[in-house]
Amino acid sequence: MGLTIYLFTSDSQVLATMQEVAPDVVCESRWTDQALSADVCIWDLDLASELPSVLMADREEQQLILLVNERTLSSMSADLLARRCALVKPLKSYTVRAFLELATRTLSLRERAHEADQLRSDRDALVQYALAANLKLQEYDHQRTNFLARALHDLRAPLTALHGYCSLLADGQLGPVSNEQRELFHRMQSSTRRLSRQTTGMFDLIIRGHVRKEPNWTAADIEDAVDQAVYEVFPLLQDKDQTVAVNVAAAEKPFWFDPEQITQAVMNVLENCSKFTPKGGSIDIRGYSVACDFASEFGVRNSRPGTRSSNAYRIDIHDNGPGIQPDLLAAIFEQYTSYSGGRDRSGGGLGLAICKMVVAAHAGFIWADNREEGGASFSMVFPFQLSVMRPMDAASRAQAGIAAD
């Protein structure tokens, strides 16, 4: 059963999450009587705390969902919470999906008027218990997110200090060191730098949806970002006697991106490839300008190099390790994908989830494939033009030195 959904909000995060779950949702910033015919009405109390009177009426043919933040949730009346569904912002896609599935089942049941009244009563009671439990789960999820964000924030300071201490020791500023000691300090320095980057990526992943963080747009050289990623991961490659072939061409047009974030994304993919590539194996990195259609994922995947109409940059990273289970090729970039260990690379931990976040922030695409000759392949495509990306305000453009479109 398809649902007709009207969403009343001015919150861009809410709209983006709803469009991900229900692409046909109709969004309005103020009440319209056309919503009376909708199966589901979703009202953001931050838009207006006073609900239209027609929404307050109990109407069996329509479901009403209220969007609240933690502050307004505590002030809502128990009677209203008992009669109406409530979702706590910022929204999570899996929570919205569960509520819409519940609304579909509820409306389907109501269409079958011949069902016993007792069954209806029991069903409504179970729905209320489920809603109450869901609110608690959302509250616990927010508390977990806040705790992890604070912990990661506090962890970054000692990591930065440790990196500085390693630098002092490696440079001999605290006394003479042997070549072996210097090499060890450089490895420690590289490890703390990688851990610091990973911690920053995890922090950004956790606060995503709570705080909007724009990339630090810079007209940088993509070759430098890839080289830095290889340098960071080199100790891991060296320990497994793995070789890396790098063939990264300069971008054919000015390329704006966040060097730190792109380095992090490439580094995370390289770490994944190194982890699952056997000793003595090889990893290939290619970077080149492409022409592609960003209107569809198919158009991006089939991007072609070496044309005058290049509008994006593509990075391919191949390894000769075990492939990825075909049914998990898409899920490998999700932060909750399970990892069964061994040679099964169905889940790459948080590293690949951070890659997906970085690529999405640059309005790009990332995907994984299995190679015919064996091994896995990871590809990232980033648009050159900022007009393809999320809009920047005038102040941000002026600070970055970007001319108006």
Protein backbone atom coordinates (compact mmCIF):
# COMPACT_ATOMS: atom_id res chain seq x y z
CA MET A 1 0.00 0.00 0.00
CA GLY A 2 1.55 3.33 -1.09
CA LEU A 3 1.30 6.20 1.37
CA THR A 4 0.52 9.83 0.57
CA ILE A 5 2.71 11.83 2.98
CA TYR A 6 2.63 15.56 3.75
CA LEU A 7 5.58 16.97 5.72
CA PHE A 8 5.34 20.38 7.40
CA THR A 9 8.82 21.59 8.32
CA SER A 10 11.56 24.10 7.52
CA ASP A 11 14.35 21.84 8.83
CA SER A 12 16.67 20.80 5.96
CA GLN A 13 17.98 17.74 7.85
CA VAL A 14 14.43 16.49 8.40
CA LEU A 15 13.58 17.02 4.73
CA ALA A 16 16.73 15.22 3.52
CA THR A 17 16.07 12.21 5.77
CA MET A 18 12.41 12.01 4.73
CA GLN A 19 13.27 12.20 1.02
CA GLU A 20 15.78 9.38 1.52
CA VAL A 21 13.06 7.15 3.01
CA ALA A 22 10.02 8.42 1.04
CA PRO A 23 11.08 10.26 -2.16
CA ASP A 24 7.46 11.21 -2.99
CA VAL A 25 6.89 13.12 0.26
CA VAL A 26 5.24 16.55 -0.19
CA CYS A 27 6.92 19.24 1.91
CA GLU A 28 5.18 22.46 2.95
CA SER A 29 6.22 25.30 5.25
CA ARG A 30 2.63 26.12 6.27
CA TRP A 31 -0.71 24.35 6.51
CA THR A 32 -2.65 23.51 3.37
CA ASP A 33 -6.07 21.84 3.27
CA GLN A 34 -4.78 19.47 0.58
CA ALA A 35 -3.07 17.57 3.39
CA LEU A 36 -6.49 16.47 4.69
CA SER A 37 -6.54 13.76 2.01
CA ALA A 38 -3.06 12.45 2.93
CA ASP A 39 -2.54 9.08 4.61
CA VAL A 40 0.17 10.51 6.88
CA CYS A 41 0.77 14.08 8.11
CA ILE A 42 4.11 14.88 9.74
CA TRP A 43 4.18 18.14 11.70
CA ASP A 44 7.39 19.73 13.00
CA LEU A 45 6.65 21.50 16.29
CA ASP A 46 9.66 23.75 15.66
CA LEU A 47 7.75 25.10 12.64
CA ALA A 48 4.75 25.97 14.79
CA SER A 49 3.97 24.73 18.30
CA GLU A 50 0.25 25.24 17.70
CA LEU A 51 -1.19 22.50 15.53
CA PRO A 52 -3.99 23.28 13.07
CA SER A 53 -7.31 22.35 14.65
CA VAL A 54 -8.10 19.84 11.89
CA LEU A 55 -4.99 17.88 12.83
CA MET A 56 -6.00 17.72 16.48
CA ALA A 57 -9.21 15.89 15.61
CA ASP A 58 -9.06 12.09 15.83
CA ARG A 59 -9.35 10.88 12.24
CA GLU A 60 -9.01 7.15 11.66
CA GLU A 61 -8.25 7.57 7.98
CA GLN A 62 -5.10 9.60 8.68
CA GLN A 63 -1.96 9.13 10.80
CA LEU A 64 -0.35 12.15 12.49
CA ILE A 65 3.34 12.13 13.45
CA LEU A 66 4.83 14.96 15.51
CA LEU A 67 8.49 15.98 15.22
CA VAL A 68 9.98 17.27 18.47
CA ASN A 69 13.39 18.00 19.88
CA GLU A 70 14.53 16.82 23.30
CA ARG A 71 13.63 20.16 24.90
CA THR A 72 10.03 20.25 23.70
CA LEU A 73 9.51 16.52 24.33
CA SER A 74 9.67 17.00 28.10
CA SER A 75 7.03 19.75 27.94
CA MET A 76 4.49 17.82 25.84
CA SER A 77 1.34 16.70 27.59
CA ALA A 78 0.96 13.01 28.40
CA ASP A 79 -2.45 13.02 26.71
CA LEU A 80 -0.99 14.26 23.42
CA LEU A 81 1.85 11.71 23.53
CA ALA A 82 -0.66 8.93 24.21
CA ARG A 83 -2.78 9.84 21.17
CA ARG A 84 -0.12 10.87 18.66
CA CYS A 85 3.13 9.39 17.32
CA ALA A 86 6.26 11.42 18.13
CA LEU A 87 9.75 11.34 16.63
CA VAL A 88 12.75 13.06 18.23
CA LYS A 89 15.01 15.19 16.03
CA PRO A 90 17.52 14.85 14.47
CA LEU A 91 15.74 12.10 12.55
CA LYS A 92 17.30 8.75 11.76
CA SER A 93 16.26 7.09 8.51
CA TYR A 94 15.67 3.69 10.11
CA THR A 95 13.33 5.23 12.71
CA VAL A 96 11.27 7.05 10.07
CA ARG A 97 11.10 3.90 7.96
CA ALA A 98 9.79 1.89 10.94
CA PHE A 99 7.09 4.47 11.68
CA LEU A 100 5.93 4.61 8.06
CA GLU A 101 5.76 0.82 7.90
CA LEU A 102 3.68 0.91 11.09
CA ALA A 103 1.39 3.55 9.54
CA THR A 104 0.95 1.37 6.44
CA ARG A 105 -0.07 -1.62 8.51
CA THR A 106 -2.37 0.47 10.69
CA LEU A 107 -4.18 2.02 7.73
CA SER A 108 -4.51 -1.39 6.06
CA LEU A 109 -6.07 -2.82 9.18
CA ARG A 110 -8.53 0.04 9.41
CA GLU A 111 -9.71 -0.69 5.87
CA ARG A 112 -10.80 -4.13 7.04
CA ALA A 113 -13.82 -3.07 9.07
CA HIS A 114 -14.98 -6.66 9.59
CA GLU A 115 -12.11 -7.46 11.97
CA ALA A 116 -13.03 -8.02 15.60
CA ASP A 117 -13.14 -4.98 17.92
CA GLN A 118 -11.03 -6.82 20.46
CA LEU A 119 -8.25 -7.32 17.92
CA ARG A 120 -8.33 -3.60 17.15
CA SER A 121 -8.09 -2.73 20.81
CA ASP A 122 -5.17 -5.11 21.39
CA ARG A 123 -3.42 -3.78 18.33
CA ASP A 124 -3.74 -0.16 19.45
CA ALA A 125 -2.43 -1.06 22.89
CA LEU A 126 0.62 -2.77 21.35
CA VAL A 127 1.20 0.24 19.10
CA GLN A 128 1.23 2.56 22.11
CA TYR A 129 3.72 0.32 23.91
CA ALA A 130 5.90 0.26 20.80
CA LEU A 131 5.78 4.06 20.49
CA ALA A 132 6.72 4.53 24.13
CA ALA A 133 9.61 2.07 23.77
CA ASN A 134 10.77 3.81 20.60
CA LEU A 135 10.90 7.18 22.34
CA LYS A 136 13.08 5.64 25.03
CA LEU A 137 15.37 4.09 22.42
CA GLN A 138 15.71 7.46 20.68
CA GLU A 139 16.58 9.07 24.00
CA TYR A 140 19.24 6.41 24.71
CA ASP A 141 20.62 6.81 21.17
CA HIS A 142 21.05 10.57 21.70
CA GLN A 143 22.76 9.96 25.04
CA ARG A 144 25.12 7.41 23.45
CA THR A 145 25.93 9.81 20.62
CA ASN A 146 26.69 12.66 23.03
CA PHE A 147 28.91 10.43 25.18
CA LEU A 148 30.92 9.12 22.22
CA ALA A 149 31.31 12.61 20.77
CA ARG A 150 32.68 13.95 24.08
CA ALA A 151 35.00 10.95 24.49
CA LEU A 152 36.44 11.31 20.98
CA HIS A 153 36.81 15.07 21.42
CA ASP A 154 38.80 14.52 24.64
CA LEU A 155 40.94 11.82 22.97
CA ARG A 156 42.17 14.10 20.20
CA ALA A 157 44.14 16.41 22.55
CA PRO A 158 46.52 13.74 23.96
CA LEU A 159 46.97 12.26 20.48
CA THR A 160 48.08 15.66 19.19
CA ALA A 161 50.50 15.98 22.11
CA LEU A 162 51.88 12.46 21.53
CA HIS A 163 52.47 13.27 17.87
CA GLY A 164 54.44 16.36 18.91
CA TYR A 165 56.56 14.41 21.41
CA CYS A 166 57.42 11.83 18.72
CA SER A 167 58.47 14.65 16.42
CA LEU A 168 60.79 16.10 19.07
CA LEU A 169 62.38 12.70 19.67
CA ALA A 170 62.75 11.88 15.97
CA ASP A 171 64.41 15.25 15.27
CA GLY A 172 66.93 14.68 18.08
CA GLN A 173 65.84 17.79 19.97
CA LEU A 174 65.84 15.88 23.27
CA GLY A 175 69.15 14.13 22.69
CA PRO A 176 70.96 12.12 20.04
CA VAL A 177 69.16 9.13 18.55
CA SER A 178 70.32 6.27 16.36
CA ASN A 179 68.96 5.60 12.89
CA GLU A 180 66.93 2.66 14.22
CA GLN A 181 65.43 4.84 16.96
CA ARG A 182 64.66 7.60 14.48
CA GLU A 183 62.88 5.12 12.22
CA LEU A 184 60.86 3.86 15.20
CA PHE A 185 59.88 7.41 16.22
CA HIS A 186 58.79 8.17 12.65
CA ARG A 187 56.61 5.06 12.70
CA MET A 188 55.10 6.12 16.03
CA GLN A 189 54.53 9.56 14.56
CA SER A 190 52.80 8.08 11.53
CA SER A 191 50.63 5.83 13.71
CA THR A 192 49.51 8.68 15.97
CA ARG A 193 48.77 10.84 12.91
CA ARG A 194 46.65 8.06 11.40
CA LEU A 195 44.87 7.51 14.70
CA SER A 196 44.24 11.24 15.04
CA ARG A 197 42.74 11.38 11.53
CA GLN A 198 40.60 8.35 12.25
CA THR A 199 39.40 9.86 15.51
CA THR A 200 38.46 13.07 13.72
CA GLY A 201 36.58 11.05 11.10
CA MET A 202 34.71 9.07 13.77
CA PHE A 203 33.81 12.31 15.55
CA ASP A 204 32.43 13.81 12.32
CA LEU A 205 30.53 10.58 11.62
CA ILE A 206 28.89 10.64 15.04
CA ILE A 207 27.86 14.31 15.00
CA ARG A 208 26.54 14.07 11.43
CA GLY A 209 22.87 15.07 11.52
CA HIS A 210 23.42 17.07 14.71
CA VAL A 211 25.92 19.64 13.40
CA ARG A 212 26.38 20.65 9.77
CA LYS A 213 30.08 20.71 8.95
CA GLU A 214 31.16 21.96 5.53
CA PRO A 215 34.44 20.73 3.98
CA ASN A 216 37.32 23.17 3.99
CA TRP A 217 37.12 23.92 0.26
CA THR A 218 40.57 24.51 -1.23
CA ALA A 219 41.90 24.56 -4.79
CA ALA A 220 44.46 21.84 -4.04
CA ASP A 221 46.43 19.21 -5.94
CA ILE A 222 44.80 15.79 -5.82
CA GLU A 223 48.21 14.16 -6.42
CA ASP A 224 49.46 15.58 -3.10
CA ALA A 225 46.43 14.26 -1.22
CA VAL A 226 46.87 10.73 -2.64
CA ASP A 227 50.64 10.78 -2.03
CA GLN A 228 50.05 11.82 1.58
CA ALA A 229 47.59 8.94 2.05
CA VAL A 230 50.14 6.44 0.68
CA TYR A 231 52.81 7.91 2.96
CA GLU A 232 50.55 7.53 6.00
CA VAL A 233 49.74 3.88 5.23
CA PHE A 234 53.26 2.95 4.06
CA PRO A 235 54.33 1.31 7.37
CA LEU A 236 51.38 -1.12 7.10
CA LEU A 237 52.28 -1.92 3.49
CA GLN A 238 55.93 -2.35 4.38
CA ASP A 239 55.15 -4.81 7.19
CA LYS A 240 53.27 -7.05 4.72
CA ASP A 241 55.76 -6.57 1.89
CA GLN A 242 53.01 -5.14 -0.32
CA THR A 243 53.66 -2.95 -3.33
CA VAL A 244 51.63 0.09 -4.37
CA ALA A 245 51.56 1.39 -7.92
CA VAL A 246 50.40 5.01 -8.06
CA ASN A 247 49.33 6.60 -11.34
CA VAL A 248 47.50 9.81 -10.48
CA ALA A 249 47.17 12.45 -13.18
CA ALA A 250 46.64 16.13 -12.52
CA ALA A 251 43.06 17.36 -12.69
CA GLU A 252 42.20 18.85 -16.07
CA LYS A 253 40.23 21.68 -14.46
CA PRO A 254 40.39 23.57 -11.13
CA PHE A 255 39.43 21.07 -8.44
CA TRP A 256 38.03 22.30 -5.12
CA PHE A 257 38.09 19.85 -2.22
CA ASP A 258 39.14 19.42 1.42
CA PRO A 259 42.68 17.95 1.29
CA GLU A 260 42.51 16.55 4.84
CA GLN A 261 39.22 14.78 4.21
CA ILE A 262 40.19 13.38 0.80
CA THR A 263 43.48 12.13 2.25
CA GLN A 264 41.47 10.46 5.02
CA ALA A 265 39.11 8.78 2.53
CA VAL A 266 41.92 7.43 0.33
CA MET A 267 43.89 6.34 3.39
CA ASN A 268 40.92 4.39 4.80
CA VAL A 269 40.42 2.53 1.53
CA LEU A 270 44.15 1.75 1.34
CA GLU A 271 44.09 0.40 4.90
CA ASN A 272 41.15 -1.82 3.99
CA CYS A 273 42.93 -3.10 0.88
CA SER A 274 46.16 -3.71 2.78
CA LYS A 275 44.34 -5.57 5.53
CA PHE A 276 42.75 -8.05 3.13
CA THR A 277 45.60 -8.34 0.62
CA PRO A 278 48.00 -11.21 1.32
CA LYS A 279 51.69 -10.73 2.04
CA GLY A 280 53.59 -9.80 -1.08
CA GLY A 281 50.38 -8.64 -2.76
CA SER A 282 49.86 -5.50 -4.78
CA ILE A 283 47.57 -2.46 -4.75
CA ASP A 284 47.01 -0.13 -7.71
CA ILE A 285 45.85 3.48 -7.46
CA ARG A 286 44.68 5.42 -10.49
CA GLY A 287 43.42 8.98 -10.61
CA TYR A 288 42.10 10.73 -13.71
CA SER A 289 39.62 13.33 -14.95
CA VAL A 290 36.33 12.00 -16.28
CA ALA A 291 33.10 13.11 -17.90
CA CYS A 292 30.00 11.75 -16.20
CA ASP A 293 26.33 12.40 -15.59
CA PHE A 294 25.73 13.15 -11.90
CA ALA A 295 21.97 12.80 -12.36
CA SER A 296 22.22 9.05 -11.76
CA GLU A 297 24.58 6.57 -10.14
CA PHE A 298 24.69 4.67 -13.45
CA GLY A 299 25.99 7.79 -15.18
CA VAL A 300 28.72 8.17 -12.57
CA ARG A 301 29.80 4.51 -12.62
CA ASN A 302 30.15 4.66 -16.40
CA SER A 303 32.28 7.82 -16.41
CA ARG A 304 34.83 7.97 -19.20
CA PRO A 305 38.39 9.40 -18.97
CA GLY A 306 40.32 11.64 -21.30
CA THR A 307 37.62 13.83 -22.81
CA ARG A 308 37.46 17.60 -23.18
CA SER A 309 34.14 17.65 -21.39
CA SER A 310 35.60 16.36 -18.12
CA ASN A 311 33.56 17.59 -15.16
CA ALA A 312 34.83 15.34 -12.36
CA TYR A 313 37.78 13.46 -10.95
CA ARG A 314 37.83 9.70 -10.35
CA ILE A 315 40.05 7.61 -8.08
CA ASP A 316 40.18 3.81 -8.50
CA ILE A 317 41.94 1.59 -5.96
CA HIS A 318 42.38 -2.12 -6.81
CA ASP A 319 43.82 -4.97 -4.76
CA ASN A 320 44.46 -8.67 -5.37
CA GLY A 321 42.97 -9.89 -2.10
CA PRO A 322 39.69 -11.76 -1.63
CA GLY A 323 36.62 -10.17 -3.15
CA ILE A 324 33.49 -8.93 -1.40
CA GLN A 325 30.31 -10.96 -1.09
CA PRO A 326 28.09 -9.65 -3.95
CA ASP A 327 25.07 -9.11 -1.70
CA LEU A 328 27.19 -6.92 0.62
CA LEU A 329 28.82 -4.66 -1.96
CA ALA A 330 26.53 -1.75 -1.04
CA ALA A 331 26.36 -2.44 2.72
CA ILE A 332 30.15 -2.42 3.11
CA PHE A 333 30.05 1.38 3.47
CA GLU A 334 27.46 1.38 6.29
CA GLN A 335 28.73 1.90 9.83
CA TYR A 336 26.59 -0.92 11.27
CA THR A 337 27.60 -3.60 8.76
CA SER A 338 28.65 -6.73 10.66
CA TYR A 339 32.18 -8.07 10.30
CA SER A 340 32.71 -11.79 10.64
CA GLY A 341 36.51 -11.67 10.57
CA GLY A 342 39.02 -13.93 8.83
CA ARG A 343 39.20 -13.37 5.10
CA ASP A 344 35.59 -12.23 4.88
CA ARG A 345 35.63 -8.51 4.09
CA SER A 346 31.86 -8.02 4.24
CA GLY A 347 32.35 -5.31 6.83
CA GLY A 348 35.25 -2.86 6.84
CA GLY A 349 34.57 -1.26 10.21
CA LEU A 350 34.07 2.49 10.51
CA GLY A 351 36.80 3.34 8.02
CA LEU A 352 34.67 2.82 4.92
CA ALA A 353 31.68 4.51 6.59
CA ILE A 354 33.89 7.58 7.07
CA CYS A 355 34.84 7.36 3.38
CA LYS A 356 31.18 7.45 2.38
CA MET A 357 30.58 10.46 4.64
CA VAL A 358 33.54 12.38 3.15
CA VAL A 359 32.55 11.59 -0.44
CA ALA A 360 28.93 12.58 0.23
CA ALA A 361 30.10 15.90 1.74
CA HIS A 362 31.88 16.55 -1.58
CA ALA A 363 28.69 15.69 -3.54
CA GLY A 364 30.44 12.64 -4.98
CA PHE A 365 29.84 8.90 -5.29
CA ILE A 366 31.69 5.89 -3.88
CA TRP A 367 31.15 2.21 -4.64
CA ALA A 368 32.87 -1.17 -4.54
CA ASP A 369 33.09 -3.96 -7.13
CA ASN A 370 34.70 -7.36 -7.52
CA ARG A 371 37.30 -7.65 -10.27
CA GLU A 372 37.11 -10.42 -12.86
CA GLU A 373 40.78 -11.23 -12.31
CA GLY A 374 40.24 -11.40 -8.54
CA GLY A 375 40.35 -8.89 -5.74
CA ALA A 376 38.25 -5.87 -4.90
CA SER A 377 37.97 -2.45 -6.51
CA PHE A 378 36.93 0.81 -4.84
CA SER A 379 36.01 3.90 -6.86
CA MET A 380 35.34 7.51 -5.86
CA VAL A 381 34.12 10.30 -8.15
CA PHE A 382 34.13 13.99 -7.18
CA PRO A 383 32.67 16.86 -9.23
CA PHE A 384 34.94 19.76 -10.17
CA GLN A 385 32.30 22.49 -10.06
CA LEU A 386 30.98 23.83 -6.76
CA SER A 387 27.61 24.38 -8.43
CA VAL A 388 27.14 20.61 -8.34
CA MET A 389 27.84 20.63 -4.63
CA ARG A 390 25.76 22.00 -1.82
CA PRO A 391 25.28 25.78 -2.11
CA MET A 392 27.79 28.01 -0.36
CA ASP A 393 26.75 31.33 1.07
CA ALA A 394 28.35 34.56 -0.12
CA ALA A 395 30.63 34.83 2.95
CA SER A 396 31.97 31.30 2.47
CA ARG A 397 32.64 31.92 -1.21
CA ALA A 398 34.45 35.20 -0.45
CA GLN A 399 36.57 33.51 2.22
CA ALA A 400 37.52 30.73 -0.20
CA GLY A 401 38.21 33.22 -2.97
CA ILE A 402 35.58 31.75 -5.27
CA ALA A 403 33.84 33.94 -7.82
CA ALA A 404 30.04 33.97 -7.87
CA ASP A 405 28.39 31.63 -10.39
